[in-house]
Amino acid sequence: MIENAKKLFDAVASKFGTSSNTLLLSGSLSSGYAPSQPGLIESQDEVFLSLKTGSSESKGTLTGIGFFIGGFGLTVFLAIGLFGETLGADWWFLLFSLLAIAVPMIWEISRPPSLPIIFNRRTQEVYYEMKGDLYHANWDGIEAVAYEYKIINQYSGSIVHGNLEIILQKFGAPDERIVLNLSGVPAGKRLPALIGIWEYLRCFMTVGPWFDEAGRKTESRNTFIEKGLKSGRVSFLDQLLQGRKFIGEERKEGNGISGSAFLYWLDSYLLFPFAFGMECVQKIDRMRSRKHWPDVVQERLDPNGPTTRLIDIEEDYMAQKQKELDELHERMRKTLPR
């Protein structure tokens, strides 16, 4: 088990055989780099900032496939009804299409939502939930490791990957620790970009909720912050719809329509059901996520909630939970027949 960022730094340097592309970053000291938008920001206000995780980005994939299959089936059914004679088997085809849409969507929205990574300014803490367990870290004294590496294969050649990672401990079991990646998908991430992401988070936690592109505190939300929030809200559906504009832009230029613009335009229609299904699930997921945090986190995300850290209440909280569990066992023991 890796207990702290220094050991993580040594492990990364040992694995890749060099420390030239590995950097140990501090939460209290500036790296000298300008902050850059992570592109993963789900929300940001005076109290906390939340980062999307890989699981939240992929949530809704199964529903998207269902929408794609079901949408194709509904189109065929309508075409048969308009241009041919509807038979009994066609109604079964319609039922299958509707089930392909409804079943995966109901299953995915009934599962626990994918919770983001939370940076709480009020208590100066980081929260993360994994498989029902709460992990946390104090910002005071926190360190991160940023590193880049190359993956080489015969198909794509050499591709640079990069990660920005911190260490968190389990609430109620501080000896259990995990390594958490803050930078999202590693492909294409270079070390300067990772450091810029860390500086953005560091400025939020230490400088203030609002700051400019140089990391200087501002009194209100500015264009730099708005740009980061806007990029974090761009979904796969938004990217598809943006592809429809390329043909119009190339027509205005008067140089004809390129093959890539035509493919973007075609994909925006073919993949629309898939992207729409993902968008529906992810929106529902985001609305449900706040209520699924444990009570100790929810009350600390309240602007008027307690400012004590989880590490301050951990021992008493776990003792109280154990007492409640012991009392429950005692009641069960007395009520069960002998």
C-alpha atoms as a PDB file:
ATOM      1  CA  MET A   1       0.000   0.000   0.000  1.00  0.00           C
ATOM      2  CA  ILE A   2       1.258   3.490  -0.914  1.00  0.00           C
ATOM      3  CA  GLU A   3       0.876   5.643   2.195  1.00  0.00           C
ATOM      4  CA  ASN A   4       1.825   9.100   0.915  1.00  0.00           C
ATOM      5  CA  ALA A   5       2.645  11.104  -2.199  1.00  0.00           C
ATOM      6  CA  LYS A   6       6.415  10.788  -1.674  1.00  0.00           C
ATOM      7  CA  LYS A   7       6.174   6.998  -1.827  1.00  0.00           C
ATOM      8  CA  LEU A   8       3.925   7.314  -4.890  1.00  0.00           C
ATOM      9  CA  PHE A   9       6.535   9.580  -6.512  1.00  0.00           C
ATOM     10  CA  ASP A  10       9.280   7.027  -5.823  1.00  0.00           C
ATOM     11  CA  ALA A  11       7.110   4.184  -7.137  1.00  0.00           C
ATOM     12  CA  VAL A  12       6.325   6.036 -10.366  1.00  0.00           C
ATOM     13  CA  ALA A  13       9.970   7.030 -10.900  1.00  0.00           C
ATOM     14  CA  SER A  14      11.054   3.449 -10.270  1.00  0.00           C
ATOM     15  CA  LYS A  15       8.446   2.018 -12.659  1.00  0.00           C
ATOM     16  CA  PHE A  16       9.360   4.267 -15.566  1.00  0.00           C
ATOM     17  CA  GLY A  17      13.063   4.330 -14.778  1.00  0.00           C
ATOM     18  CA  THR A  18      13.356   8.126 -14.563  1.00  0.00           C
ATOM     19  CA  SER A  19      12.125  11.070 -12.522  1.00  0.00           C
ATOM     20  CA  SER A  20      12.535  13.623 -15.324  1.00  0.00           C
ATOM     21  CA  ASN A  21       8.862  13.348 -16.293  1.00  0.00           C
ATOM     22  CA  THR A  22       7.584  13.051 -12.719  1.00  0.00           C
ATOM     23  CA  LEU A  23       6.903  15.976 -10.402  1.00  0.00           C
ATOM     24  CA  LEU A  24       5.862  16.179  -6.745  1.00  0.00           C
ATOM     25  CA  LEU A  25       3.413  19.055  -6.231  1.00  0.00           C
ATOM     26  CA  SER A  26       2.331  20.789  -3.029  1.00  0.00           C
ATOM     27  CA  GLY A  27      -1.078  22.162  -2.119  1.00  0.00           C
ATOM     28  CA  SER A  28       0.430  25.100  -0.246  1.00  0.00           C
ATOM     29  CA  LEU A  29       3.153  26.175  -2.706  1.00  0.00           C
ATOM     30  CA  SER A  30       2.768  27.437  -6.254  1.00  0.00           C
ATOM     31  CA  SER A  31       4.444  25.416  -8.988  1.00  0.00           C
ATOM     32  CA  GLY A  32       5.077  28.552 -11.020  1.00  0.00           C
ATOM     33  CA  TYR A  33       2.643  27.437 -13.736  1.00  0.00           C
ATOM     34  CA  ALA A  34      -0.550  29.255 -14.642  1.00  0.00           C
ATOM     35  CA  PRO A  35      -3.820  27.470 -13.782  1.00  0.00           C
ATOM     36  CA  SER A  36      -5.594  25.747 -16.644  1.00  0.00           C
ATOM     37  CA  GLN A  37      -9.162  24.482 -16.801  1.00  0.00           C
ATOM     38  CA  PRO A  38      -9.387  20.729 -16.160  1.00  0.00           C
ATOM     39  CA  GLY A  39     -12.313  20.328 -18.562  1.00  0.00           C
ATOM     40  CA  LEU A  40     -13.891  17.980 -16.007  1.00  0.00           C
ATOM     41  CA  ILE A  41     -15.541  20.543 -13.735  1.00  0.00           C
ATOM     42  CA  GLU A  42     -19.130  19.605 -12.943  1.00  0.00           C
ATOM     43  CA  SER A  43     -19.828  22.565 -10.657  1.00  0.00           C
ATOM     44  CA  GLN A  44     -17.949  25.328  -8.855  1.00  0.00           C
ATOM     45  CA  ASP A  45     -19.145  27.854  -6.291  1.00  0.00           C
ATOM     46  CA  GLU A  46     -18.033  29.570  -3.075  1.00  0.00           C
ATOM     47  CA  VAL A  47     -18.288  26.339  -1.062  1.00  0.00           C
ATOM     48  CA  PHE A  48     -17.027  23.477  -3.209  1.00  0.00           C
ATOM     49  CA  LEU A  49     -15.804  22.341  -6.626  1.00  0.00           C
ATOM     50  CA  SER A  50     -16.710  18.974  -8.104  1.00  0.00           C
ATOM     51  CA  LEU A  51     -14.786  17.053 -10.764  1.00  0.00           C
ATOM     52  CA  LYS A  52     -16.320  14.422 -13.003  1.00  0.00           C
ATOM     53  CA  THR A  53     -14.809  10.942 -12.896  1.00  0.00           C
ATOM     54  CA  GLY A  54     -14.306   8.361 -15.613  1.00  0.00           C
ATOM     55  CA  SER A  55     -17.292   6.347 -14.398  1.00  0.00           C
ATOM     56  CA  SER A  56     -19.605   9.361 -14.654  1.00  0.00           C
ATOM     57  CA  GLU A  57     -18.342  10.107 -18.173  1.00  0.00           C
ATOM     58  CA  SER A  58     -19.173   6.566 -19.335  1.00  0.00           C
ATOM     59  CA  LYS A  59     -22.498   6.381 -17.466  1.00  0.00           C
ATOM     60  CA  GLY A  60     -25.381   5.857 -19.849  1.00  0.00           C
ATOM     61  CA  THR A  61     -23.436   3.863 -22.439  1.00  0.00           C
ATOM     62  CA  LEU A  62     -25.758   0.869 -22.157  1.00  0.00           C
ATOM     63  CA  THR A  63     -28.796   3.141 -22.411  1.00  0.00           C
ATOM     64  CA  GLY A  64     -27.237   4.799 -25.444  1.00  0.00           C
ATOM     65  CA  ILE A  65     -26.887   1.415 -27.141  1.00  0.00           C
ATOM     66  CA  GLY A  66     -30.508   0.666 -26.252  1.00  0.00           C
ATOM     67  CA  PHE A  67     -31.636   3.981 -27.731  1.00  0.00           C
ATOM     68  CA  PHE A  68     -29.631   3.270 -30.885  1.00  0.00           C
ATOM     69  CA  ILE A  69     -31.110  -0.221 -31.375  1.00  0.00           C
ATOM     70  CA  GLY A  70     -34.595   0.821 -30.305  1.00  0.00           C
ATOM     71  CA  GLY A  71     -34.518   3.962 -32.434  1.00  0.00           C
ATOM     72  CA  PHE A  72     -33.524   1.932 -35.485  1.00  0.00           C
ATOM     73  CA  GLY A  73     -36.320  -0.547 -34.719  1.00  0.00           C
ATOM     74  CA  LEU A  74     -38.922   2.208 -34.350  1.00  0.00           C
ATOM     75  CA  THR A  75     -37.807   3.738 -37.650  1.00  0.00           C
ATOM     76  CA  VAL A  76     -38.203   0.397 -39.434  1.00  0.00           C
ATOM     77  CA  PHE A  77     -41.614  -0.158 -37.816  1.00  0.00           C
ATOM     78  CA  LEU A  78     -42.845   3.271 -38.914  1.00  0.00           C
ATOM     79  CA  ALA A  79     -41.485   2.686 -42.414  1.00  0.00           C
ATOM     80  CA  ILE A  80     -43.357  -0.610 -42.646  1.00  0.00           C
ATOM     81  CA  GLY A  81     -46.537   1.085 -41.441  1.00  0.00           C
ATOM     82  CA  LEU A  82     -46.232   3.874 -43.987  1.00  0.00           C
ATOM     83  CA  PHE A  83     -45.122   1.909 -47.023  1.00  0.00           C
ATOM     84  CA  GLY A  84     -46.253  -1.631 -46.331  1.00  0.00           C
ATOM     85  CA  GLU A  85     -48.832  -3.741 -44.591  1.00  0.00           C
ATOM     86  CA  THR A  86     -48.466  -4.086 -40.815  1.00  0.00           C
ATOM     87  CA  LEU A  87     -48.456  -7.737 -39.745  1.00  0.00           C
ATOM     88  CA  GLY A  88     -48.715  -9.340 -36.295  1.00  0.00           C
ATOM     89  CA  ALA A  89     -44.960  -9.952 -36.180  1.00  0.00           C
ATOM     90  CA  ASP A  90     -44.358  -6.224 -36.670  1.00  0.00           C
ATOM     91  CA  TRP A  91     -46.003  -5.459 -33.328  1.00  0.00           C
ATOM     92  CA  TRP A  92     -43.568  -7.805 -31.636  1.00  0.00           C
ATOM     93  CA  PHE A  93     -40.819  -5.888 -33.405  1.00  0.00           C
ATOM     94  CA  LEU A  94     -42.241  -2.662 -31.942  1.00  0.00           C
ATOM     95  CA  LEU A  95     -42.353  -4.201 -28.448  1.00  0.00           C
ATOM     96  CA  PHE A  96     -38.739  -5.323 -28.726  1.00  0.00           C
ATOM     97  CA  SER A  97     -37.701  -1.801 -29.792  1.00  0.00           C
ATOM     98  CA  LEU A  98     -39.493  -0.200 -26.853  1.00  0.00           C
ATOM     99  CA  LEU A  99     -37.959  -2.696 -24.433  1.00  0.00           C
ATOM    100  CA  ALA A 100     -34.502  -2.046 -25.882  1.00  0.00           C
ATOM    101  CA  ILE A 101     -34.973   1.609 -24.947  1.00  0.00           C
ATOM    102  CA  ALA A 102     -36.720   1.241 -21.580  1.00  0.00           C
ATOM    103  CA  VAL A 103     -34.959  -1.713 -19.914  1.00  0.00           C
ATOM    104  CA  PRO A 104     -31.345  -0.446 -19.926  1.00  0.00           C
ATOM    105  CA  MET A 105     -32.454   3.069 -18.984  1.00  0.00           C
ATOM    106  CA  ILE A 106     -34.505   1.855 -15.999  1.00  0.00           C
ATOM    107  CA  TRP A 107     -31.632  -0.396 -14.908  1.00  0.00           C
ATOM    108  CA  GLU A 108     -29.001   2.359 -15.105  1.00  0.00           C
ATOM    109  CA  ILE A 109     -31.000   5.073 -13.335  1.00  0.00           C
ATOM    110  CA  SER A 110     -31.934   2.600 -10.581  1.00  0.00           C
ATOM    111  CA  ARG A 111     -28.263   2.001  -9.779  1.00  0.00           C
ATOM    112  CA  PRO A 112     -26.358   4.291  -7.371  1.00  0.00           C
ATOM    113  CA  PRO A 113     -25.199   7.447  -9.153  1.00  0.00           C
ATOM    114  CA  SER A 114     -21.539   8.062 -10.004  1.00  0.00           C
ATOM    115  CA  LEU A 115     -20.387  10.635  -7.463  1.00  0.00           C
ATOM    116  CA  PRO A 116     -17.841  13.310  -8.433  1.00  0.00           C
ATOM    117  CA  ILE A 117     -14.615  14.228  -6.642  1.00  0.00           C
ATOM    118  CA  ILE A 118     -15.387  17.055  -4.214  1.00  0.00           C
ATOM    119  CA  PHE A 119     -13.006  19.833  -3.154  1.00  0.00           C
ATOM    120  CA  ASN A 120     -14.538  21.543  -0.120  1.00  0.00           C
ATOM    121  CA  ARG A 121     -13.183  25.052   0.551  1.00  0.00           C
ATOM    122  CA  ARG A 122     -15.001  25.495   3.875  1.00  0.00           C
ATOM    123  CA  THR A 123     -13.427  22.483   5.547  1.00  0.00           C
ATOM    124  CA  GLN A 124     -10.354  22.308   3.252  1.00  0.00           C
ATOM    125  CA  GLU A 125     -10.973  18.678   2.368  1.00  0.00           C
ATOM    126  CA  VAL A 126     -11.249  16.350  -0.627  1.00  0.00           C
ATOM    127  CA  TYR A 127     -14.007  13.714  -0.780  1.00  0.00           C
ATOM    128  CA  TYR A 128     -14.370  10.668  -3.005  1.00  0.00           C
ATOM    129  CA  GLU A 129     -16.701   7.661  -2.929  1.00  0.00           C
ATOM    130  CA  MET A 130     -15.690   4.232  -4.247  1.00  0.00           C
ATOM    131  CA  LYS A 131     -17.838   1.103  -4.033  1.00  0.00           C
ATOM    132  CA  GLY A 132     -19.875   2.570  -1.202  1.00  0.00           C
ATOM    133  CA  ASP A 133     -16.855   3.598   0.894  1.00  0.00           C
ATOM    134  CA  LEU A 134     -15.984   7.219   1.671  1.00  0.00           C
ATOM    135  CA  TYR A 135     -12.398   8.393   1.176  1.00  0.00           C
ATOM    136  CA  HIS A 136     -11.048  11.787   2.148  1.00  0.00           C
ATOM    137  CA  ALA A 137      -7.904  13.899   2.479  1.00  0.00           C
ATOM    138  CA  ASN A 138      -7.060  17.126   4.268  1.00  0.00           C
ATOM    139  CA  TRP A 139      -5.830  19.897   2.007  1.00  0.00           C
ATOM    140  CA  ASP A 140      -3.418  21.035   4.693  1.00  0.00           C
ATOM    141  CA  GLY A 141      -0.140  19.330   3.787  1.00  0.00           C
ATOM    142  CA  ILE A 142      -1.580  17.594   0.713  1.00  0.00           C
ATOM    143  CA  GLU A 143       0.753  16.635  -2.125  1.00  0.00           C
ATOM    144  CA  ALA A 144       0.139  15.354  -5.642  1.00  0.00           C
ATOM    145  CA  VAL A 145       2.226  13.502  -8.191  1.00  0.00           C
ATOM    146  CA  ALA A 146       2.088  14.513 -11.855  1.00  0.00           C
ATOM    147  CA  TYR A 147       3.800  12.287 -14.400  1.00  0.00           C
ATOM    148  CA  GLU A 148       3.770  11.467 -18.092  1.00  0.00           C
ATOM    149  CA  TYR A 149       4.789   8.292 -19.893  1.00  0.00           C
ATOM    150  CA  LYS A 150       4.644   6.791 -23.385  1.00  0.00           C
ATOM    151  CA  ILE A 151       2.716   3.801 -24.648  1.00  0.00           C
ATOM    152  CA  ILE A 152       3.992   2.321 -27.924  1.00  0.00           C
ATOM    153  CA  ASN A 153       2.215  -0.191 -30.127  1.00  0.00           C
ATOM    154  CA  GLN A 154       2.330  -1.235 -33.759  1.00  0.00           C
ATOM    155  CA  TYR A 155      -0.960   0.445 -34.657  1.00  0.00           C
ATOM    156  CA  SER A 156      -0.811   3.938 -33.172  1.00  0.00           C
ATOM    157  CA  GLY A 157       2.910   4.345 -32.594  1.00  0.00           C
ATOM    158  CA  SER A 158       4.023   6.316 -29.552  1.00  0.00           C
ATOM    159  CA  ILE A 159       1.308   8.088 -27.539  1.00  0.00           C
ATOM    160  CA  VAL A 160       1.983  10.207 -24.475  1.00  0.00           C
ATOM    161  CA  HIS A 161      -0.167   9.527 -21.409  1.00  0.00           C
ATOM    162  CA  GLY A 162      -0.257  11.430 -18.143  1.00  0.00           C
ATOM    163  CA  ASN A 163      -1.810  11.264 -14.686  1.00  0.00           C
ATOM    164  CA  LEU A 164      -2.266  13.645 -11.766  1.00  0.00           C
ATOM    165  CA  GLU A 165      -2.743  11.642  -8.563  1.00  0.00           C
ATOM    166  CA  ILE A 166      -3.267  12.157  -4.840  1.00  0.00           C
ATOM    167  CA  ILE A 167      -3.559   9.831  -1.839  1.00  0.00           C
ATOM    168  CA  LEU A 168      -6.841   9.508   0.095  1.00  0.00           C
ATOM    169  CA  GLN A 169      -7.647   7.559   3.243  1.00  0.00           C
ATOM    170  CA  LYS A 170     -10.791   5.617   4.025  1.00  0.00           C
ATOM    171  CA  PHE A 171     -13.210   7.203   6.488  1.00  0.00           C
ATOM    172  CA  GLY A 172     -13.280   5.002   9.556  1.00  0.00           C
ATOM    173  CA  ALA A 173     -10.188   3.039   8.509  1.00  0.00           C
ATOM    174  CA  PRO A 174      -7.358   5.597   8.050  1.00  0.00           C
ATOM    175  CA  ASP A 175      -4.774   2.897   7.339  1.00  0.00           C
ATOM    176  CA  GLU A 176      -6.598   1.953   4.122  1.00  0.00           C
ATOM    177  CA  ARG A 177      -5.545   4.295   1.320  1.00  0.00           C
ATOM    178  CA  ILE A 178      -6.120   4.678  -2.397  1.00  0.00           C
ATOM    179  CA  VAL A 179      -4.476   6.555  -5.253  1.00  0.00           C
ATOM    180  CA  LEU A 180      -6.965   8.865  -6.990  1.00  0.00           C
ATOM    181  CA  ASN A 181      -6.462  10.248 -10.506  1.00  0.00           C
ATOM    182  CA  LEU A 182      -7.683  13.848 -10.890  1.00  0.00           C
ATOM    183  CA  SER A 183      -6.929  14.380 -14.580  1.00  0.00           C
ATOM    184  CA  GLY A 184      -9.430  12.084 -16.275  1.00  0.00           C
ATOM    185  CA  VAL A 185      -8.501  10.086 -19.374  1.00  0.00           C
ATOM    186  CA  PRO A 186      -4.681   9.825 -19.455  1.00  0.00           C
ATOM    187  CA  ALA A 187      -4.234   9.698 -23.247  1.00  0.00           C
ATOM    188  CA  GLY A 188      -2.623  12.867 -24.624  1.00  0.00           C
ATOM    189  CA  LYS A 189      -1.991  14.472 -21.214  1.00  0.00           C
ATOM    190  CA  ARG A 190       1.437  16.171 -20.972  1.00  0.00           C
ATOM    191  CA  LEU A 191       3.194  17.218 -17.780  1.00  0.00           C
ATOM    192  CA  PRO A 192       2.622  21.013 -18.201  1.00  0.00           C
ATOM    193  CA  ALA A 193      -1.121  20.407 -18.664  1.00  0.00           C
ATOM    194  CA  LEU A 194      -1.249  18.245 -15.526  1.00  0.00           C
ATOM    195  CA  ILE A 195       0.552  20.902 -13.498  1.00  0.00           C
ATOM    196  CA  GLY A 196      -1.883  23.522 -14.812  1.00  0.00           C
ATOM    197  CA  ILE A 197      -4.821  21.383 -13.649  1.00  0.00           C
ATOM    198  CA  TRP A 198      -3.276  21.115 -10.185  1.00  0.00           C
ATOM    199  CA  GLU A 199      -2.745  24.883 -10.081  1.00  0.00           C
ATOM    200  CA  TYR A 200      -6.423  25.404 -10.901  1.00  0.00           C
ATOM    201  CA  LEU A 201      -7.449  23.191  -7.970  1.00  0.00           C
ATOM    202  CA  ARG A 202      -4.828  24.754  -5.703  1.00  0.00           C
ATOM    203  CA  CYS A 203      -6.032  28.275  -6.528  1.00  0.00           C
ATOM    204  CA  PHE A 204      -9.617  27.270  -5.781  1.00  0.00           C
ATOM    205  CA  MET A 205      -8.692  25.835  -2.390  1.00  0.00           C
ATOM    206  CA  THR A 206      -6.163  28.478  -1.282  1.00  0.00           C
ATOM    207  CA  VAL A 207      -6.681  31.693  -3.270  1.00  0.00           C
ATOM    208  CA  GLY A 208     -10.468  31.804  -3.462  1.00  0.00           C
ATOM    209  CA  PRO A 209     -13.413  30.468  -5.450  1.00  0.00           C
ATOM    210  CA  TRP A 210     -12.828  32.998  -8.228  1.00  0.00           C
ATOM    211  CA  PHE A 211      -9.470  33.810  -9.839  1.00  0.00           C
ATOM    212  CA  ASP A 212      -8.071  34.825 -13.216  1.00  0.00           C
ATOM    213  CA  GLU A 213      -5.799  33.042 -15.698  1.00  0.00           C
ATOM    214  CA  ALA A 214      -2.725  34.117 -13.700  1.00  0.00           C
ATOM    215  CA  GLY A 215      -4.117  32.729 -10.449  1.00  0.00           C
ATOM    216  CA  ARG A 216      -4.927  36.146  -8.957  1.00  0.00           C
ATOM    217  CA  LYS A 217      -8.020  36.368  -6.766  1.00  0.00           C
ATOM    218  CA  THR A 218     -11.068  38.139  -8.185  1.00  0.00           C
ATOM    219  CA  GLU A 219     -14.209  39.259  -6.378  1.00  0.00           C
ATOM    220  CA  SER A 220     -16.650  37.529  -8.695  1.00  0.00           C
ATOM    221  CA  ARG A 221     -16.896  34.847 -11.366  1.00  0.00           C
ATOM    222  CA  ASN A 222     -15.024  35.945 -14.499  1.00  0.00           C
ATOM    223  CA  THR A 223     -14.644  34.833 -18.110  1.00  0.00           C
ATOM    224  CA  PHE A 224     -11.756  32.499 -17.242  1.00  0.00           C
ATOM    225  CA  ILE A 225     -13.903  30.599 -14.734  1.00  0.00           C
ATOM    226  CA  GLU A 226     -16.936  30.662 -17.040  1.00  0.00           C
ATOM    227  CA  LYS A 227     -14.848  29.146 -19.819  1.00  0.00           C
ATOM    228  CA  GLY A 228     -13.815  26.266 -17.558  1.00  0.00           C
ATOM    229  CA  LEU A 229     -17.367  25.625 -16.413  1.00  0.00           C
ATOM    230  CA  LYS A 230     -18.643  25.724 -19.977  1.00  0.00           C
ATOM    231  CA  SER A 231     -16.042  23.235 -21.219  1.00  0.00           C
ATOM    232  CA  GLY A 232     -16.909  20.892 -18.345  1.00  0.00           C
ATOM    233  CA  ARG A 233     -20.578  20.873 -19.374  1.00  0.00           C
ATOM    234  CA  VAL A 234     -19.891  19.823 -22.981  1.00  0.00           C
ATOM    235  CA  SER A 235     -21.326  16.346 -23.486  1.00  0.00           C
ATOM    236  CA  PHE A 236     -21.033  13.804 -26.270  1.00  0.00           C
ATOM    237  CA  LEU A 237     -24.415  15.012 -27.537  1.00  0.00           C
ATOM    238  CA  ASP A 238     -23.137  18.601 -27.698  1.00  0.00           C
ATOM    239  CA  GLN A 239     -20.100  17.462 -29.676  1.00  0.00           C
ATOM    240  CA  LEU A 240     -22.294  15.613 -32.160  1.00  0.00           C
ATOM    241  CA  LEU A 241     -24.582  18.599 -32.676  1.00  0.00           C
ATOM    242  CA  GLN A 242     -21.546  20.818 -33.138  1.00  0.00           C
ATOM    243  CA  GLY A 243     -20.529  18.573 -36.037  1.00  0.00           C
ATOM    244  CA  ARG A 244     -23.606  19.698 -37.992  1.00  0.00           C
ATOM    245  CA  LYS A 245     -22.186  23.218 -38.203  1.00  0.00           C
ATOM    246  CA  PHE A 246     -19.032  22.217 -40.076  1.00  0.00           C
ATOM    247  CA  ILE A 247     -20.790  21.811 -43.432  1.00  0.00           C
ATOM    248  CA  GLY A 248     -22.370  25.264 -43.169  1.00  0.00           C
ATOM    249  CA  GLU A 249     -19.028  26.824 -42.255  1.00  0.00           C
ATOM    250  CA  GLU A 250     -17.277  25.201 -45.209  1.00  0.00           C
ATOM    251  CA  ARG A 251     -20.061  26.316 -47.547  1.00  0.00           C
ATOM    252  CA  LYS A 252     -19.504  29.913 -46.432  1.00  0.00           C
ATOM    253  CA  GLU A 253     -15.808  29.586 -47.198  1.00  0.00           C
ATOM    254  CA  GLY A 254     -16.698  28.584 -50.774  1.00  0.00           C
ATOM    255  CA  ASN A 255     -14.099  25.808 -51.092  1.00  0.00           C
ATOM    256  CA  GLY A 256     -16.525  22.908 -51.232  1.00  0.00           C
ATOM    257  CA  ILE A 257     -17.377  20.338 -48.576  1.00  0.00           C
ATOM    258  CA  SER A 258     -14.599  18.134 -47.265  1.00  0.00           C
ATOM    259  CA  GLY A 259     -15.017  14.445 -46.506  1.00  0.00           C
ATOM    260  CA  SER A 260     -14.392  14.956 -42.798  1.00  0.00           C
ATOM    261  CA  ALA A 261     -17.140  17.612 -42.568  1.00  0.00           C
ATOM    262  CA  PHE A 262     -19.568  15.259 -44.321  1.00  0.00           C
ATOM    263  CA  LEU A 263     -18.690  12.422 -41.916  1.00  0.00           C
ATOM    264  CA  TYR A 264     -19.227  14.728 -38.907  1.00  0.00           C
ATOM    265  CA  TRP A 265     -22.611  15.718 -40.333  1.00  0.00           C
ATOM    266  CA  LEU A 266     -23.565  12.077 -40.986  1.00  0.00           C
ATOM    267  CA  ASP A 267     -22.467  10.932 -37.503  1.00  0.00           C
ATOM    268  CA  SER A 268     -24.507  13.701 -35.894  1.00  0.00           C
ATOM    269  CA  TYR A 269     -27.642  11.955 -37.169  1.00  0.00           C
ATOM    270  CA  LEU A 270     -26.601   8.301 -37.009  1.00  0.00           C
ATOM    271  CA  LEU A 271     -25.265   8.519 -33.445  1.00  0.00           C
ATOM    272  CA  PHE A 272     -27.878  10.958 -32.161  1.00  0.00           C
ATOM    273  CA  PRO A 273     -30.026   8.253 -30.440  1.00  0.00           C
ATOM    274  CA  PHE A 274     -26.924   6.845 -28.706  1.00  0.00           C
ATOM    275  CA  ALA A 275     -25.760  10.289 -27.498  1.00  0.00           C
ATOM    276  CA  PHE A 276     -29.273  11.305 -26.441  1.00  0.00           C
ATOM    277  CA  GLY A 277     -29.668   8.169 -24.336  1.00  0.00           C
ATOM    278  CA  MET A 278     -26.348   8.839 -22.582  1.00  0.00           C
ATOM    279  CA  GLU A 279     -27.322  12.471 -21.987  1.00  0.00           C
ATOM    280  CA  CYS A 280     -30.629  11.507 -20.349  1.00  0.00           C
ATOM    281  CA  VAL A 281     -28.984   9.107 -17.894  1.00  0.00           C
ATOM    282  CA  GLN A 282     -26.107  11.460 -17.052  1.00  0.00           C
ATOM    283  CA  LYS A 283     -28.457  14.364 -16.318  1.00  0.00           C
ATOM    284  CA  ILE A 284     -30.557  12.215 -13.999  1.00  0.00           C
ATOM    285  CA  ASP A 285     -27.339  10.920 -12.426  1.00  0.00           C
ATOM    286  CA  ARG A 286     -26.108  14.443 -11.654  1.00  0.00           C
ATOM    287  CA  MET A 287     -29.427  15.439 -10.075  1.00  0.00           C
ATOM    288  CA  ARG A 288     -29.370  12.384  -7.799  1.00  0.00           C
ATOM    289  CA  SER A 289     -25.691  12.477  -6.844  1.00  0.00           C
ATOM    290  CA  ARG A 290     -25.863  15.137  -4.093  1.00  0.00           C
ATOM    291  CA  LYS A 291     -28.358  13.123  -2.025  1.00  0.00           C
ATOM    292  CA  HIS A 292     -26.244   9.956  -2.154  1.00  0.00           C
ATOM    293  CA  TRP A 293     -23.294  11.374  -0.234  1.00  0.00           C
ATOM    294  CA  PRO A 294     -23.092  10.239   3.420  1.00  0.00           C
ATOM    295  CA  ASP A 295     -24.637  12.647   5.938  1.00  0.00           C
ATOM    296  CA  VAL A 296     -21.211  13.748   7.207  1.00  0.00           C
ATOM    297  CA  VAL A 297     -20.390  15.022   3.703  1.00  0.00           C
ATOM    298  CA  GLN A 298     -23.794  16.496   2.864  1.00  0.00           C
ATOM    299  CA  GLU A 299     -23.848  18.669   5.971  1.00  0.00           C
ATOM    300  CA  ARG A 300     -20.323  19.950   5.215  1.00  0.00           C
ATOM    301  CA  LEU A 301     -21.363  20.933   1.695  1.00  0.00           C
ATOM    302  CA  ASP A 302     -24.071  23.136   3.229  1.00  0.00           C
ATOM    303  CA  PRO A 303     -22.887  26.791   3.386  1.00  0.00           C
ATOM    304  CA  ASN A 304     -24.137  26.900   6.990  1.00  0.00           C
ATOM    305  CA  GLY A 305     -22.965  23.421   7.936  1.00  0.00           C
ATOM    306  CA  PRO A 306     -20.185  22.407  10.321  1.00  0.00           C
ATOM    307  CA  THR A 307     -16.590  23.323   9.518  1.00  0.00           C
ATOM    308  CA  THR A 308     -15.018  20.406  11.373  1.00  0.00           C
ATOM    309  CA  ARG A 309     -13.017  18.029   9.193  1.00  0.00           C
ATOM    310  CA  LEU A 310     -13.785  14.349   8.813  1.00  0.00           C
ATOM    311  CA  ILE A 311     -10.503  13.505  10.498  1.00  0.00           C
ATOM    312  CA  ASP A 312     -11.669  15.496  13.555  1.00  0.00           C
ATOM    313  CA  ILE A 313     -14.909  13.543  13.967  1.00  0.00           C
ATOM    314  CA  GLU A 314     -13.800  10.181  12.612  1.00  0.00           C
ATOM    315  CA  GLU A 315     -13.058   8.473  15.917  1.00  0.00           C
ATOM    316  CA  ASP A 316     -16.221   9.669  17.687  1.00  0.00           C
ATOM    317  CA  TYR A 317     -18.384   9.002  14.609  1.00  0.00           C
ATOM    318  CA  MET A 318     -17.198   5.403  14.256  1.00  0.00           C
ATOM    319  CA  ALA A 319     -17.572   4.832  18.026  1.00  0.00           C
ATOM    320  CA  GLN A 320     -21.180   6.071  17.840  1.00  0.00           C
ATOM    321  CA  LYS A 321     -21.933   3.843  14.844  1.00  0.00           C
ATOM    322  CA  GLN A 322     -20.459   0.853  16.645  1.00  0.00           C
ATOM    323  CA  LYS A 323     -22.568   1.648  19.713  1.00  0.00           C
ATOM    324  CA  GLU A 324     -25.730   1.801  17.576  1.00  0.00           C
ATOM    325  CA  LEU A 325     -24.793  -1.504  15.942  1.00  0.00           C
ATOM    326  CA  ASP A 326     -24.198  -3.156  19.326  1.00  0.00           C
ATOM    327  CA  GLU A 327     -27.571  -1.882  20.583  1.00  0.00           C
ATOM    328  CA  LEU A 328     -29.281  -3.272  17.484  1.00  0.00           C
ATOM    329  CA  HIS A 329     -27.667  -6.660  18.003  1.00  0.00           C
ATOM    330  CA  GLU A 330     -28.741  -6.628  21.642  1.00  0.00           C
ATOM    331  CA  ARG A 331     -32.363  -5.851  20.703  1.00  0.00           C
ATOM    332  CA  MET A 332     -32.328  -8.620  18.100  1.00  0.00           C
ATOM    333  CA  ARG A 333     -30.889 -11.052  20.620  1.00  0.00           C
ATOM    334  CA  LYS A 334     -33.687 -10.285  23.111  1.00  0.00           C
ATOM    335  CA  THR A 335     -36.513 -10.511  20.565  1.00  0.00           C
ATOM    336  CA  LEU A 336     -35.430 -13.633  18.705  1.00  0.00           C
ATOM    337  CA  PRO A 337     -36.798 -16.913  20.080  1.00  0.00           C
ATOM    338  CA  ARG A 338     -34.349 -19.065  21.958  1.00  0.00           C
END
